[in-house]
Protein backbone atom coordinates (compact mmCIF):
# COMPACT_ATOMS: atom_id res chain seq x y z
CA MET A 1 124.88 84.81 105.79
CA ALA A 2 126.68 88.00 104.90
CA ASP A 3 125.80 91.68 105.00
CA VAL A 4 125.03 93.46 101.78
CA ARG A 5 124.19 97.08 100.99
CA ASP A 6 121.79 97.98 98.21
CA ASP A 7 121.71 101.19 96.22
CA GLY A 8 119.34 102.71 98.74
CA GLY A 9 121.85 102.42 101.56
CA ALA A 10 120.00 99.77 103.59
CA THR A 11 121.76 96.67 104.82
CA ALA A 12 120.24 93.31 105.61
CA ALA A 13 121.28 89.74 106.20
CA VAL A 14 121.07 87.42 103.22
CA SER A 15 122.01 83.77 102.83
CA GLY A 16 125.62 83.11 101.99
CA PRO A 17 128.86 82.03 103.66
CA GLY A 18 131.53 84.42 104.82
CA PRO A 19 135.04 84.61 103.34
CA SER A 20 136.10 81.53 105.34
CA GLY A 21 133.23 79.47 103.92
CA LYS A 22 131.42 79.44 107.28
CA ALA A 23 128.34 81.43 108.16
CA PRO A 24 129.02 84.15 110.77
CA MET A 25 128.19 83.14 114.35
CA ARG A 26 125.33 85.62 114.51
CA GLU A 27 123.61 83.96 111.57
CA VAL A 28 124.29 80.47 112.94
CA LEU A 29 122.46 81.44 116.13
CA ILE A 30 119.52 82.89 114.18
CA GLU A 31 119.16 79.76 112.07
CA ALA A 32 119.42 77.47 115.11
CA ALA A 33 116.80 79.52 116.93
CA PHE A 34 114.30 79.42 114.08
CA GLN A 35 114.74 75.68 113.64
CA LEU A 36 113.84 75.22 117.29
CA PHE A 37 110.96 77.68 117.14
CA VAL A 38 109.44 75.64 114.32
CA GLU A 39 110.08 72.31 116.03
CA HIS A 40 109.11 73.15 119.62
CA GLY A 41 107.47 76.57 119.55
CA PHE A 42 108.86 79.90 120.65
CA GLU A 43 107.75 79.75 124.26
CA ARG A 44 109.17 76.27 124.87
CA THR A 45 112.55 77.09 123.32
CA THR A 46 115.20 78.40 125.73
CA VAL A 47 118.48 80.19 125.16
CA ASP A 48 120.22 77.02 126.35
CA ASP A 49 118.42 75.08 123.61
CA ILE A 50 119.55 77.58 120.99
CA VAL A 51 123.22 77.56 121.96
CA ALA A 52 123.20 73.78 122.20
CA ARG A 53 121.82 73.52 118.67
CA ALA A 54 124.34 76.09 117.42
CA GLY A 55 127.20 74.36 119.26
CA VAL A 56 128.34 77.46 121.19
CA GLY A 57 128.19 78.76 124.76
CA ARG A 58 125.71 81.15 126.37
CA ARG A 59 128.25 83.97 126.32
CA SER A 60 128.38 83.76 122.54
CA PHE A 61 124.60 84.15 122.37
CA PHE A 62 124.45 87.23 124.59
CA ARG A 63 127.34 88.79 122.73
CA TYR A 64 124.97 89.17 119.78
CA PHE A 65 121.46 89.23 121.28
CA PRO A 66 120.19 90.72 124.56
CA SER A 67 117.23 88.33 124.65
CA LYS A 68 115.50 85.48 122.85
CA GLU A 69 113.08 87.97 121.24
CA ASP A 70 115.96 89.85 119.64
CA VAL A 71 116.85 86.74 117.62
CA VAL A 72 113.52 87.10 115.83
CA PHE A 73 114.23 90.74 114.92
CA PRO A 74 117.98 90.75 114.32
CA ASP A 75 118.26 93.65 111.86
CA HIS A 76 115.96 96.34 113.23
CA GLU A 77 118.61 98.04 115.36
CA ARG A 78 120.83 98.42 112.33
CA CYS A 79 117.94 99.66 110.21
CA LEU A 80 116.96 102.23 112.85
CA THR A 81 120.55 103.46 112.93
CA GLU A 82 120.62 103.78 109.14
CA MET A 83 117.26 105.56 109.14
CA SER A 84 118.52 108.09 111.68
CA ALA A 85 121.70 108.66 109.67
CA PHE A 86 119.69 109.10 106.46
CA LEU A 87 117.34 111.63 108.06
CA ALA A 88 120.24 113.54 109.64
CA THR A 89 121.62 114.31 106.17
CA SER A 90 118.23 114.99 104.53
CA THR A 91 117.72 118.65 105.33
CA ASP A 92 116.28 119.65 101.95
CA GLY A 93 113.30 118.52 99.93
CA GLU A 94 109.69 118.00 100.86
CA PRO A 95 109.62 116.55 104.41
CA LEU A 96 106.91 114.03 103.56
CA ASP A 97 108.94 112.74 100.60
CA VAL A 98 112.00 112.36 102.83
CA ILE A 99 110.25 110.23 105.44
CA CYS A 100 108.73 108.09 102.68
CA ASP A 101 112.27 107.39 101.48
CA ALA A 102 113.28 106.64 105.06
CA ALA A 103 110.41 104.17 105.44
CA ARG A 104 111.52 102.37 102.28
CA LEU A 105 114.74 101.41 104.07
CA VAL A 106 112.66 99.04 106.21
CA MET A 107 111.09 97.41 103.16
CA ARG A 108 114.53 96.90 101.62
CA MET A 109 115.66 95.18 104.79
CA TYR A 110 112.76 92.73 104.58
CA ALA A 111 113.11 92.22 100.82
CA ALA A 112 116.82 91.34 101.14
CA ASN A 113 115.82 87.96 102.56
CA PRO A 114 112.17 87.14 101.70
CA GLU A 115 112.26 83.61 103.10
CA PHE A 116 113.44 84.73 106.53
CA SER A 117 111.02 87.67 106.52
CA VAL A 118 108.05 85.41 105.80
CA ARG A 119 109.12 82.92 108.50
CA ARG A 120 109.37 85.76 111.00
CA TYR A 121 105.97 87.13 110.00
CA GLN A 122 104.36 83.73 110.47
CA LEU A 123 106.01 83.31 113.85
CA THR A 124 104.94 86.72 115.13
CA ARG A 125 101.34 85.97 114.11
CA GLU A 126 101.41 82.92 116.37
CA VAL A 127 103.16 84.32 119.45
CA PRO A 128 101.47 87.19 121.32
CA SER A 129 104.66 88.26 123.11
CA LEU A 130 106.40 88.68 119.75
CA ARG A 131 103.56 90.80 118.44
CA GLY A 132 104.05 93.08 121.43
CA TYR A 133 107.78 93.23 120.77
CA GLU A 134 107.12 94.02 117.11
CA LEU A 135 104.79 96.86 118.05
CA SER A 136 107.51 98.36 120.24
CA VAL A 137 109.91 98.29 117.28
CA VAL A 138 107.30 99.88 115.00
CA HIS A 139 106.79 102.62 117.58
CA ARG A 140 110.52 103.38 117.54
CA TYR A 141 110.43 103.85 113.76
CA GLU A 142 107.45 106.15 114.17
CA ARG A 143 109.22 108.21 116.85
CA THR A 144 112.29 108.53 114.62
CA LEU A 145 110.23 109.87 111.73
CA ALA A 146 108.20 112.18 113.96
CA HIS A 147 111.37 113.64 115.50
CA TYR A 148 112.66 114.51 112.03
CA LEU A 149 109.36 116.11 111.02
CA ARG A 150 109.13 118.19 114.20
CA GLN A 151 112.49 119.70 113.31
CA ARG A 152 111.39 120.44 109.73
CA TYR A 153 108.09 121.96 110.91
CA ALA A 154 109.66 123.99 113.71
CA GLY A 155 108.14 127.26 112.49
CA ASP A 156 104.62 125.87 112.12
CA PRO A 157 102.27 126.50 115.09
CA ASN A 158 100.77 123.05 114.44
CA GLY A 159 104.12 121.50 113.57
CA ALA A 160 104.26 119.02 116.44
CA LEU A 161 100.77 117.71 115.73
CA ARG A 162 101.45 117.60 112.01
CA ALA A 163 104.65 115.64 112.60
CA GLU A 164 103.00 113.04 114.83
CA VAL A 165 100.06 112.48 112.51
CA GLN A 166 102.13 112.25 109.34
CA ALA A 167 104.69 109.91 110.91
CA ALA A 168 101.91 107.62 112.13
CA ALA A 169 100.25 107.66 108.70
CA ILE A 170 103.49 106.82 106.88
CA VAL A 171 104.29 103.93 109.23
CA ALA A 172 100.76 102.55 108.92
CA ALA A 173 100.85 102.82 105.12
CA HIS A 174 104.29 101.20 104.91
CA ASN A 175 103.20 98.31 107.13
CA ASN A 176 100.05 97.80 105.09
CA GLY A 177 102.09 97.30 101.92
CA LEU A 178 104.72 95.21 103.71
CA ARG A 179 102.18 92.86 105.26
CA THR A 180 100.37 92.45 101.97
CA TRP A 181 103.65 91.23 100.49
CA LEU A 182 104.40 88.97 103.48
CA ARG A 183 100.93 87.39 103.40
CA GLY A 184 101.64 86.58 99.75
CA GLY A 185 104.67 84.54 100.80
CA GLY A 186 107.20 87.22 99.91
CA HIS A 187 106.52 86.81 96.20
CA GLY A 188 106.16 89.67 93.78
CA ASP A 189 107.36 93.23 94.14
CA GLY A 190 107.09 94.20 97.79
CA ALA A 191 108.58 97.63 97.15
CA ARG A 192 105.78 98.37 94.71
CA ALA A 193 103.14 97.41 97.27
CA VAL A 194 104.75 99.76 99.78
CA ASP A 195 105.04 102.56 97.22
CA GLN A 196 101.34 102.31 96.43
CA SER A 197 100.46 102.60 100.11
CA LEU A 198 102.82 105.53 100.63
CA ALA A 199 101.42 107.27 97.55
CA TYR A 200 97.98 107.27 99.15
CA VAL A 201 99.30 109.14 102.19
CA ARG A 202 101.29 111.58 100.08
CA GLN A 203 98.26 112.36 97.93
CA THR A 204 96.09 112.88 100.98
CA TRP A 205 98.50 115.21 102.75
CA GLY A 206 99.50 116.86 99.51
CA SER A 207 95.90 117.90 98.82
CA ALA A 208 95.44 119.15 102.38
CA ARG A 209 98.71 121.09 102.23
CA GLU A 210 97.87 122.72 98.91
CA SER A 211 94.49 123.84 100.21
CA ALA A 212 96.04 125.32 103.35
CA GLU A 213 98.87 127.08 101.49
CA SER A 214 96.59 128.47 98.79
CA GLY A 215 94.24 129.94 101.38
CA ALA A 216 91.30 128.46 99.53
CA ALA A 217 88.03 128.71 101.40
CA PRO A 218 86.21 125.50 102.14
CA ALA A 219 83.42 124.57 99.77
CA PRO A 220 80.06 125.99 100.83
CA GLU A 221 77.73 123.59 102.51
CA SER A 222 74.76 122.37 100.55
CA GLU A 223 71.34 122.11 102.06
CA GLU A 224 71.99 118.43 102.55
CA ASP A 225 74.92 119.31 104.82
CA ASP A 226 72.88 121.53 107.18
CA VAL A 227 73.41 120.76 110.84
CA VAL A 228 70.61 121.00 113.37
CA VAL A 229 71.49 121.31 117.06
CA ILE A 230 68.80 120.35 119.57
CA VAL A 231 69.02 121.05 123.29
CA ALA A 232 67.04 118.58 125.38
CA PRO A 233 66.98 117.50 129.03
CA ARG A 234 69.38 114.62 129.75
CA LYS A 235 66.55 112.34 130.86
CA ALA A 236 64.19 113.24 128.06
CA PRO A 237 62.77 110.12 126.35
CA LEU A 238 64.04 109.46 122.85
CA TRP A 239 60.59 109.86 121.27
CA ARG A 240 60.37 113.41 122.62
CA VAL A 241 63.79 114.31 121.21
CA VAL A 242 62.79 112.94 117.80
CA GLN A 243 59.52 114.87 117.99
CA LYS A 244 61.40 118.08 118.70
CA ILE A 245 63.75 117.48 115.76
CA GLU A 246 60.83 116.86 113.41
CA LYS A 247 59.12 120.07 114.60
CA THR A 248 62.30 122.09 114.14
CA LEU A 249 62.82 120.81 110.61
CA GLY A 250 59.18 121.35 109.78
CA ASP A 251 59.34 124.99 110.87
CA GLU A 252 62.15 125.81 108.38
C-alpha cells in the first residue's frame, strides 16, 4: 500500500506496492492482522500472532502501532492532524461550512480504500472493545471541530454552547452518511451520502441563524398550542388531577 493525497488534501492508505515493489511494513502488519482477525477473531489474536504472520519482530510492530486496536484504525491519527491543519488555516467563511469541509476529510479517508473500510466496519460491529475505541476516536474529531467553532464564536455569549451543539450535529450527520455507505458494502457515492446528511444540519442551523439575526419574533401561538399549568398535591390521585384539568378547560 502507498499513501496518496486527493484534491481535498486528505491522505489515506490504498492498495499498491512501494517503489521497491514491496508493500511498506506498516501495511504488511495491517494485512496480517486482519487476516488473523477474520480467521481467529480479534480477541484471540495476539501481537505475537500478528508479527509471526508478517514475518517481523515485536519491535517492528510497536514502531508503527501502540496497541492491537490501533491496527484496526491506522489512519485516524493522520486524518486528525490534517483536520487540525485545515481548520488552522480556515479563518474566513461561514464557520458551519468550514467544519463541514473538515468532516469530509474523514469520508475521503474511508473512500480511498472501500474494501478495507468495509472490513473494519464489519469487525467493529462484532467486537465491543473496538466499538468503544471507535467512539473515543469520534469524540476526538468532535472536540477538534468544537474547538475551532469556539474560537470563531468567541464574541457570542452563547458561543461555547453553539460550538458544542453544532460540532456534535456535524459529526452525527457525517457518521450517518458514512455508515449508510459502509452498510451498502462501500458501493456507490459515499461522499454524496455524507453531503446529504451534512446538508440537513446546515439547513437546520441556517434557518435558526437567519431567524436570530433578523430579529424576527416567533410565530404567535394558536389556540391549539395553549398551555395549561395545574398545581396539585404530590400524592393526589391521577383521577383528581384529570378532573381538575377538565374543570379548568371547561371554565375558559
